[in-house]
């Protein structure tokens, strides 16, 4: 039982480090685009249309391109 907890902790740490490393590899414009994509997915549809910029589908596509999974994207949209 204790081994399973330790393995879970290690897996969580690896995931955290991996996501931090992926962010460091983004250029400055990509970092800004990522921030915009995340904000876009958190807005309601009317807000996205009023603000202009990327659509929700474009935001999803960009996040997938930089390594986000469908599950992680769905969690952001909630």
PDB file of N, CA and C in Angstrom:
ATOM      1  N   UNK A   1       0.828  -1.197   0.000  1.00  0.00           N
ATOM      2  CA  UNK A   1       0.000   0.000   0.000  1.00  0.00           C
ATOM      3  C   UNK A   1       0.866   1.251   0.000  1.00  0.00           C
ATOM      4  N   UNK A   2       1.901   1.261   0.832  1.00  0.00           N
ATOM      5  CA  UNK A   2       2.801   2.410   0.918  1.00  0.00           C
ATOM      6  C   UNK A   2       3.544   2.634  -0.401  1.00  0.00           C
ATOM      7  N   UNK A   3       3.868   1.551  -1.079  1.00  0.00           N
ATOM      8  CA  UNK A   3       4.569   1.653  -2.369  1.00  0.00           C
ATOM      9  C   UNK A   3       3.685   2.348  -3.391  1.00  0.00           C
ATOM     10  N   UNK A   4       2.401   2.039  -3.414  1.00  0.00           N
ATOM     11  CA  UNK A   4       1.473   2.677  -4.348  1.00  0.00           C
ATOM     12  C   UNK A   4       1.392   4.183  -4.109  1.00  0.00           C
ATOM     13  N   UNK A   5       1.384   4.589  -2.862  1.00  0.00           N
ATOM     14  CA  UNK A   5       1.345   6.025  -2.540  1.00  0.00           C
ATOM     15  C   UNK A   5       2.610   6.722  -3.035  1.00  0.00           C
ATOM     16  N   UNK A   6       3.746   6.045  -2.831  1.00  0.00           N
ATOM     17  CA  UNK A   6       5.017   6.625  -3.265  1.00  0.00           C
ATOM     18  C   UNK A   6       5.079   6.717  -4.789  1.00  0.00           C
ATOM     19  N   UNK A   7       4.610   5.683  -5.478  1.00  0.00           N
ATOM     20  CA  UNK A   7       4.581   5.712  -6.943  1.00  0.00           C
ATOM     21  C   UNK A   7       3.669   6.820  -7.457  1.00  0.00           C
ATOM     22  N   UNK A   8       2.537   6.990  -6.802  1.00  0.00           N
ATOM     23  CA  UNK A   8       1.613   8.059  -7.189  1.00  0.00           C
ATOM     24  C   UNK A   8       2.259   9.425  -6.984  1.00  0.00           C
ATOM     25  N   UNK A   9       2.980   9.591  -5.877  1.00  0.00           N
ATOM     26  CA  UNK A   9       3.652  10.859  -5.609  1.00  0.00           C
ATOM     27  C   UNK A   9       4.729  11.134  -6.650  1.00  0.00           C
ATOM     28  N   UNK A  10       5.485  10.115  -7.006  1.00  0.00           N
ATOM     29  CA  UNK A  10       6.543  10.275  -8.010  1.00  0.00           C
ATOM     30  C   UNK A  10       5.945  10.613  -9.369  1.00  0.00           C
ATOM     31  N   UNK A  11       4.878   9.932  -9.746  1.00  0.00           N
ATOM     32  CA  UNK A  11       4.223  10.205 -11.034  1.00  0.00           C
ATOM     33  C   UNK A  11       3.708  11.637 -11.083  1.00  0.00           C
ATOM     34  N   UNK A  12       3.142  12.099  -9.971  1.00  0.00           N
ATOM     35  CA  UNK A  12       2.631  13.474  -9.910  1.00  0.00           C
ATOM     36  C   UNK A  12       3.773  14.477 -10.064  1.00  0.00           C
ATOM     37  N   UNK A  13       4.890  14.200  -9.433  1.00  0.00           N
ATOM     38  CA  UNK A  13       6.055  15.084  -9.517  1.00  0.00           C
ATOM     39  C   UNK A  13       6.612  15.119 -10.942  1.00  0.00           C
ATOM     40  N   UNK A  14       6.680  13.969 -11.582  1.00  0.00           N
ATOM     41  CA  UNK A  14       7.169  13.909 -12.967  1.00  0.00           C
ATOM     42  C   UNK A  14       6.250  14.712 -13.880  1.00  0.00           C
ATOM     43  N   UNK A  15       4.964  14.583 -13.671  1.00  0.00           N
ATOM     44  CA  UNK A  15       3.998  15.327 -14.486  1.00  0.00           C
ATOM     45  C   UNK A  15       4.167  16.828 -14.276  1.00  0.00           C
ATOM     46  N   UNK A  16       4.372  17.239 -13.018  1.00  0.00           N
ATOM     47  CA  UNK A  16       4.544  18.664 -12.703  1.00  0.00           C
ATOM     48  C   UNK A  16       5.807  19.208 -13.361  1.00  0.00           C
ATOM     49  N   UNK A  17       6.890  18.473 -13.264  1.00  0.00           N
ATOM     50  CA  UNK A  17       8.148  18.909 -13.864  1.00  0.00           C
ATOM     51  C   UNK A  17       8.031  18.951 -15.377  1.00  0.00           C
ATOM     52  N   UNK A  18       7.380  17.955 -15.953  1.00  0.00           N
ATOM     53  CA  UNK A  18       7.202  17.906 -17.403  1.00  0.00           C
ATOM     54  C   UNK A  18       6.410  19.089 -17.926  1.00  0.00           C
ATOM     55  N   UNK A  19       5.351  19.476 -17.227  1.00  0.00           N
ATOM     56  CA  UNK A  19       4.547  20.610 -17.693  1.00  0.00           C
ATOM     57  C   UNK A  19       5.326  21.914 -17.552  1.00  0.00           C
ATOM     58  N   UNK A  20       6.149  22.016 -16.515  1.00  0.00           N
ATOM     59  CA  UNK A  20       6.962  23.220 -16.333  1.00  0.00           C
ATOM     60  C   UNK A  20       8.017  23.301 -17.435  1.00  0.00           C
ATOM     61  N   UNK A  21       8.605  22.189 -17.788  1.00  0.00           N
ATOM     62  CA  UNK A  21       9.620  22.156 -18.840  1.00  0.00           C
ATOM     63  C   UNK A  21       9.012  22.518 -20.187  1.00  0.00           C
ATOM     64  N   UNK A  22       7.818  22.023 -20.459  1.00  0.00           N
ATOM     65  CA  UNK A  22       7.163  22.326 -21.729  1.00  0.00           C
ATOM     66  C   UNK A  22       6.921  23.826 -21.856  1.00  0.00           C
ATOM     67  N   UNK A  23       6.562  24.492 -20.762  1.00  0.00           N
ATOM     68  CA  UNK A  23       6.353  25.934 -20.782  1.00  0.00           C
ATOM     69  C   UNK A  23       7.645  26.678 -21.076  1.00  0.00           C
ATOM     70  N   UNK A  24       8.754  26.196 -20.559  1.00  0.00           N
ATOM     71  CA  UNK A  24      10.027  26.870 -20.774  1.00  0.00           C
ATOM     72  C   UNK A  24      10.461  26.800 -22.234  1.00  0.00           C
ATOM     73  N   UNK A  25      10.008  25.804 -22.962  1.00  0.00           N
ATOM     74  CA  UNK A  25      10.405  25.655 -24.353  1.00  0.00           C
ATOM     75  C   UNK A  25       9.592  26.533 -25.305  1.00  0.00           C
ATOM     76  N   UNK A  26       8.580  27.207 -24.810  1.00  0.00           N
ATOM     77  CA  UNK A  26       7.762  28.067 -25.658  1.00  0.00           C
ATOM     78  C   UNK A  26       8.454  29.416 -25.839  1.00  0.00           C
ATOM     79  N   UNK A  27       8.340  29.954 -27.049  1.00  0.00           N
ATOM     80  CA  UNK A  27       8.862  31.296 -27.288  1.00  0.00           C
ATOM     81  C   UNK A  27       7.951  32.305 -26.587  1.00  0.00           C
ATOM     82  N   UNK A  28       8.383  33.530 -26.510  1.00  0.00           N
ATOM     83  CA  UNK A  28       7.578  34.563 -25.844  1.00  0.00           C
ATOM     84  C   UNK A  28       6.226  34.738 -26.538  1.00  0.00           C
ATOM     85  N   UNK A  29       6.184  34.838 -27.886  1.00  0.00           N
ATOM     86  CA  UNK A  29       4.866  34.946 -28.522  1.00  0.00           C
ATOM     87  C   UNK A  29       3.975  33.727 -28.248  1.00  0.00           C
ATOM     88  N   UNK A  30       4.578  32.539 -28.195  1.00  0.00           N
ATOM     89  CA  UNK A  30       3.789  31.336 -27.895  1.00  0.00           C
ATOM     90  C   UNK A  30       3.280  31.355 -26.461  1.00  0.00           C
ATOM     91  N   UNK A  31       4.065  31.900 -25.535  1.00  0.00           N
ATOM     92  CA  UNK A  31       3.611  32.012 -24.151  1.00  0.00           C
ATOM     93  C   UNK A  31       2.412  32.950 -24.056  1.00  0.00           C
ATOM     94  N   UNK A  32       2.457  34.048 -24.810  1.00  0.00           N
ATOM     95  CA  UNK A  32       1.323  34.985 -24.832  1.00  0.00           C
ATOM     96  C   UNK A  32       0.109  34.326 -25.479  1.00  0.00           C
ATOM     97  N   UNK A  33       0.345  33.591 -26.551  1.00  0.00           N
ATOM     98  CA  UNK A  33      -0.746  32.903 -27.241  1.00  0.00           C
ATOM     99  C   UNK A  33      -1.369  31.857 -26.316  1.00  0.00           C
ATOM    100  N   UNK A  34      -0.544  31.184 -25.531  1.00  0.00           N
ATOM    101  CA  UNK A  34      -1.048  30.195 -24.583  1.00  0.00           C
ATOM    102  C   UNK A  34      -1.944  30.875 -23.547  1.00  0.00           C
ATOM    103  N   UNK A  35      -1.504  32.013 -23.020  1.00  0.00           N
ATOM    104  CA  UNK A  35      -2.303  32.742 -22.028  1.00  0.00           C
ATOM    105  C   UNK A  35      -3.642  33.171 -22.621  1.00  0.00           C
ATOM    106  N   UNK A  36      -3.616  33.647 -23.853  1.00  0.00           N
ATOM    107  CA  UNK A  36      -4.854  34.064 -24.522  1.00  0.00           C
ATOM    108  C   UNK A  36      -5.764  32.873 -24.747  1.00  0.00           C
ATOM    109  N   UNK A  37      -5.183  31.739 -25.175  1.00  0.00           N
ATOM    110  CA  UNK A  37      -5.976  30.532 -25.415  1.00  0.00           C
ATOM    111  C   UNK A  37      -6.648  30.058 -24.123  1.00  0.00           C
ATOM    112  N   UNK A  38      -5.925  30.086 -23.024  1.00  0.00           N
ATOM    113  CA  UNK A  38      -6.504  29.659 -21.745  1.00  0.00           C
ATOM    114  C   UNK A  38      -7.638  30.581 -21.320  1.00  0.00           C
ATOM    115  N   UNK A  39      -7.441  31.890 -21.476  1.00  0.00           N
ATOM    116  CA  UNK A  39      -8.502  32.847 -21.128  1.00  0.00           C
ATOM    117  C   UNK A  39      -9.711  32.673 -22.040  1.00  0.00           C
ATOM    118  N   UNK A  40      -9.450  32.412 -23.311  1.00  0.00           N
ATOM    119  CA  UNK A  40     -10.533  32.228 -24.282  1.00  0.00           C
ATOM    120  C   UNK A  40     -11.412  31.053 -23.895  1.00  0.00           C
ATOM    121  N   UNK A  41     -10.794  29.944 -23.509  1.00  0.00           N
ATOM    122  CA  UNK A  41     -11.576  28.755 -23.165  1.00  0.00           C
ATOM    123  C   UNK A  41     -12.374  28.938 -21.880  1.00  0.00           C
ATOM    124  N   UNK A  42     -11.948  29.843 -21.011  1.00  0.00           N
ATOM    125  CA  UNK A  42     -12.667  30.088 -19.758  1.00  0.00           C
ATOM    126  C   UNK A  42     -13.852  31.030 -19.954  1.00  0.00           C
ATOM    127  N   UNK A  43     -13.856  31.786 -21.060  1.00  0.00           N
ATOM    128  CA  UNK A  43     -14.951  32.734 -21.335  1.00  0.00           C
ATOM    129  C   UNK A  43     -16.172  32.005 -21.886  1.00  0.00           C
ATOM    130  N   UNK A  44     -17.317  32.668 -21.755  1.00  0.00           N
ATOM    131  CA  UNK A  44     -18.491  32.119 -22.426  1.00  0.00           C
ATOM    132  C   UNK A  44     -18.432  32.514 -23.910  1.00  0.00           C
ATOM    133  N   UNK A  45     -19.262  31.886 -24.715  1.00  0.00           N
ATOM    134  CA  UNK A  45     -19.197  32.080 -26.168  1.00  0.00           C
ATOM    135  C   UNK A  45     -19.433  33.525 -26.588  1.00  0.00           C
ATOM    136  N   UNK A  46     -20.343  34.210 -25.920  1.00  0.00           N
ATOM    137  CA  UNK A  46     -20.633  35.601 -26.264  1.00  0.00           C
ATOM    138  C   UNK A  46     -19.427  36.479 -25.957  1.00  0.00           C
ATOM    139  N   UNK A  47     -18.786  36.238 -24.820  1.00  0.00           N
ATOM    140  CA  UNK A  47     -17.593  36.999 -24.452  1.00  0.00           C
ATOM    141  C   UNK A  47     -16.483  36.841 -25.471  1.00  0.00           C
ATOM    142  N   UNK A  48     -16.329  35.627 -25.982  1.00  0.00           N
ATOM    143  CA  UNK A  48     -15.287  35.367 -26.992  1.00  0.00           C
ATOM    144  C   UNK A  48     -15.571  36.164 -28.251  1.00  0.00           C
ATOM    145  N   UNK A  49     -16.836  36.191 -28.666  1.00  0.00           N
ATOM    146  CA  UNK A  49     -17.194  36.940 -29.884  1.00  0.00           C
ATOM    147  C   UNK A  49     -16.986  38.443 -29.707  1.00  0.00           C
ATOM    148  N   UNK A  50     -17.331  38.959 -28.536  1.00  0.00           N
ATOM    149  CA  UNK A  50     -17.194  40.389 -28.281  1.00  0.00           C
ATOM    150  C   UNK A  50     -15.719  40.786 -28.249  1.00  0.00           C
ATOM    151  N   UNK A  51     -14.891  39.981 -27.585  1.00  0.00           N
ATOM    152  CA  UNK A  51     -13.472  40.302 -27.432  1.00  0.00           C
ATOM    153  C   UNK A  51     -12.702  40.166 -28.747  1.00  0.00           C
ATOM    154  N   UNK A  52     -13.151  39.307 -29.620  1.00  0.00           N
ATOM    155  CA  UNK A  52     -12.409  39.081 -30.857  1.00  0.00           C
ATOM    156  C   UNK A  52     -11.211  38.189 -30.596  1.00  0.00           C
ATOM    157  N   UNK A  53     -10.308  38.103 -31.525  1.00  0.00           N
ATOM    158  CA  UNK A  53      -9.144  37.239 -31.352  1.00  0.00           C
ATOM    159  C   UNK A  53      -9.456  35.819 -31.748  1.00  0.00           C
ATOM    160  N   UNK A  54      -8.779  34.872 -31.115  1.00  0.00           N
ATOM    161  CA  UNK A  54      -8.951  33.473 -31.510  1.00  0.00           C
ATOM    162  C   UNK A  54     -10.287  32.927 -31.040  1.00  0.00           C
ATOM    163  N   UNK A  55     -10.803  32.003 -31.827  1.00  0.00           N
ATOM    164  CA  UNK A  55     -12.049  31.330 -31.454  1.00  0.00           C
ATOM    165  C   UNK A  55     -11.723  30.225 -30.461  1.00  0.00           C
ATOM    166  N   UNK A  56     -12.755  29.645 -29.884  1.00  0.00           N
ATOM    167  CA  UNK A  56     -12.524  28.554 -28.945  1.00  0.00           C
ATOM    168  C   UNK A  56     -11.870  27.364 -29.651  1.00  0.00           C
ATOM    169  N   UNK A  57     -12.239  27.094 -30.885  1.00  0.00           N
ATOM    170  CA  UNK A  57     -11.634  25.980 -31.611  1.00  0.00           C
ATOM    171  C   UNK A  57     -10.161  26.253 -31.905  1.00  0.00           C
ATOM    172  N   UNK A  58      -9.847  27.478 -32.266  1.00  0.00           N
ATOM    173  CA  UNK A  58      -8.441  27.836 -32.487  1.00  0.00           C
ATOM    174  C   UNK A  58      -7.634  27.696 -31.192  1.00  0.00           C
ATOM    175  N   UNK A  59      -8.251  28.067 -30.070  1.00  0.00           N
ATOM    176  CA  UNK A  59      -7.586  27.932 -28.769  1.00  0.00           C
ATOM    177  C   UNK A  59      -7.324  26.461 -28.458  1.00  0.00           C
ATOM    178  N   UNK A  60      -8.329  25.607 -28.691  1.00  0.00           N
ATOM    179  CA  UNK A  60      -8.152  24.166 -28.467  1.00  0.00           C
ATOM    180  C   UNK A  60      -7.039  23.611 -29.343  1.00  0.00           C
ATOM    181  N   UNK A  61      -7.054  23.987 -30.614  1.00  0.00           N
ATOM    182  CA  UNK A  61      -6.036  23.493 -31.555  1.00  0.00           C
ATOM    183  C   UNK A  61      -4.630  23.915 -31.126  1.00  0.00           C
ATOM    184  N   UNK A  62      -4.486  25.159 -30.698  1.00  0.00           N
ATOM    185  CA  UNK A  62      -3.164  25.638 -30.269  1.00  0.00           C
ATOM    186  C   UNK A  62      -2.695  24.875 -29.032  1.00  0.00           C
ATOM    187  N   UNK A  63      -3.580  24.707 -28.061  1.00  0.00           N
ATOM    188  CA  UNK A  63      -3.189  24.015 -26.830  1.00  0.00           C
ATOM    189  C   UNK A  63      -2.815  22.564 -27.110  1.00  0.00           C
ATOM    190  N   UNK A  64      -3.529  21.921 -28.041  1.00  0.00           N
ATOM    191  CA  UNK A  64      -3.161  20.553 -28.421  1.00  0.00           C
ATOM    192  C   UNK A  64      -1.777  20.536 -29.066  1.00  0.00           C
ATOM    193  N   UNK A  65      -1.499  21.552 -29.871  1.00  0.00           N
ATOM    194  CA  UNK A  65      -0.208  21.631 -30.553  1.00  0.00           C
ATOM    195  C   UNK A  65       0.948  21.739 -29.565  1.00  0.00           C
ATOM    196  N   UNK A  66       0.730  22.398 -28.442  1.00  0.00           N
ATOM    197  CA  UNK A  66       1.821  22.567 -27.477  1.00  0.00           C
ATOM    198  C   UNK A  66       1.805  21.497 -26.380  1.00  0.00           C
ATOM    199  N   UNK A  67       0.925  20.500 -26.525  1.00  0.00           N
ATOM    200  CA  UNK A  67       1.005  19.352 -25.628  1.00  0.00           C
ATOM    201  C   UNK A  67      -0.126  19.136 -24.651  1.00  0.00           C
ATOM    202  N   UNK A  68      -1.163  19.936 -24.697  1.00  0.00           N
ATOM    203  CA  UNK A  68      -2.289  19.725 -23.805  1.00  0.00           C
ATOM    204  C   UNK A  68      -3.114  18.543 -24.313  1.00  0.00           C
ATOM    205  N   UNK A  69      -3.672  17.782 -23.390  1.00  0.00           N
ATOM    206  CA  UNK A  69      -4.527  16.657 -23.760  1.00  0.00           C
ATOM    207  C   UNK A  69      -5.980  17.127 -23.835  1.00  0.00           C
ATOM    208  N   UNK A  70      -6.818  16.317 -24.478  1.00  0.00           N
ATOM    209  CA  UNK A  70      -8.245  16.648 -24.559  1.00  0.00           C
ATOM    210  C   UNK A  70      -8.866  16.754 -23.164  1.00  0.00           C
ATOM    211  N   UNK A  71      -8.456  15.881 -22.278  1.00  0.00           N
ATOM    212  CA  UNK A  71      -8.982  15.899 -20.905  1.00  0.00           C
ATOM    213  C   UNK A  71      -8.625  17.191 -20.192  1.00  0.00           C
ATOM    214  N   UNK A  72      -7.383  17.610 -20.331  1.00  0.00           N
ATOM    215  CA  UNK A  72      -6.927  18.837 -19.676  1.00  0.00           C
ATOM    216  C   UNK A  72      -7.666  20.055 -20.253  1.00  0.00           C
ATOM    217  N   UNK A  73      -7.882  20.049 -21.549  1.00  0.00           N
ATOM    218  CA  UNK A  73      -8.615  21.146 -22.197  1.00  0.00           C
ATOM    219  C   UNK A  73     -10.061  21.184 -21.704  1.00  0.00           C
ATOM    220  N   UNK A  74     -10.690  20.025 -21.598  1.00  0.00           N
ATOM    221  CA  UNK A  74     -12.072  19.980 -21.082  1.00  0.00           C
ATOM    222  C   UNK A  74     -12.136  20.507 -19.658  1.00  0.00           C
ATOM    223  N   UNK A  75     -11.135  20.169 -18.850  1.00  0.00           N
ATOM    224  CA  UNK A  75     -11.116  20.656 -17.463  1.00  0.00           C
ATOM    225  C   UNK A  75     -10.996  22.180 -17.415  1.00  0.00           C
ATOM    226  N   UNK A  76     -10.244  22.754 -18.326  1.00  0.00           N
ATOM    227  CA  UNK A  76     -10.087  24.213 -18.386  1.00  0.00           C
ATOM    228  C   UNK A  76     -11.412  24.868 -18.747  1.00  0.00           C
ATOM    229  N   UNK A  77     -12.153  24.232 -19.644  1.00  0.00           N
ATOM    230  CA  UNK A  77     -13.417  24.808 -20.117  1.00  0.00           C
ATOM    231  C   UNK A  77     -14.534  24.767 -19.088  1.00  0.00           C
ATOM    232  N   UNK A  78     -14.391  23.970 -18.051  1.00  0.00           N
ATOM    233  CA  UNK A  78     -15.457  23.847 -17.038  1.00  0.00           C
ATOM    234  C   UNK A  78     -15.564  25.089 -16.196  1.00  0.00           C
TER     235      UNK A  78
END
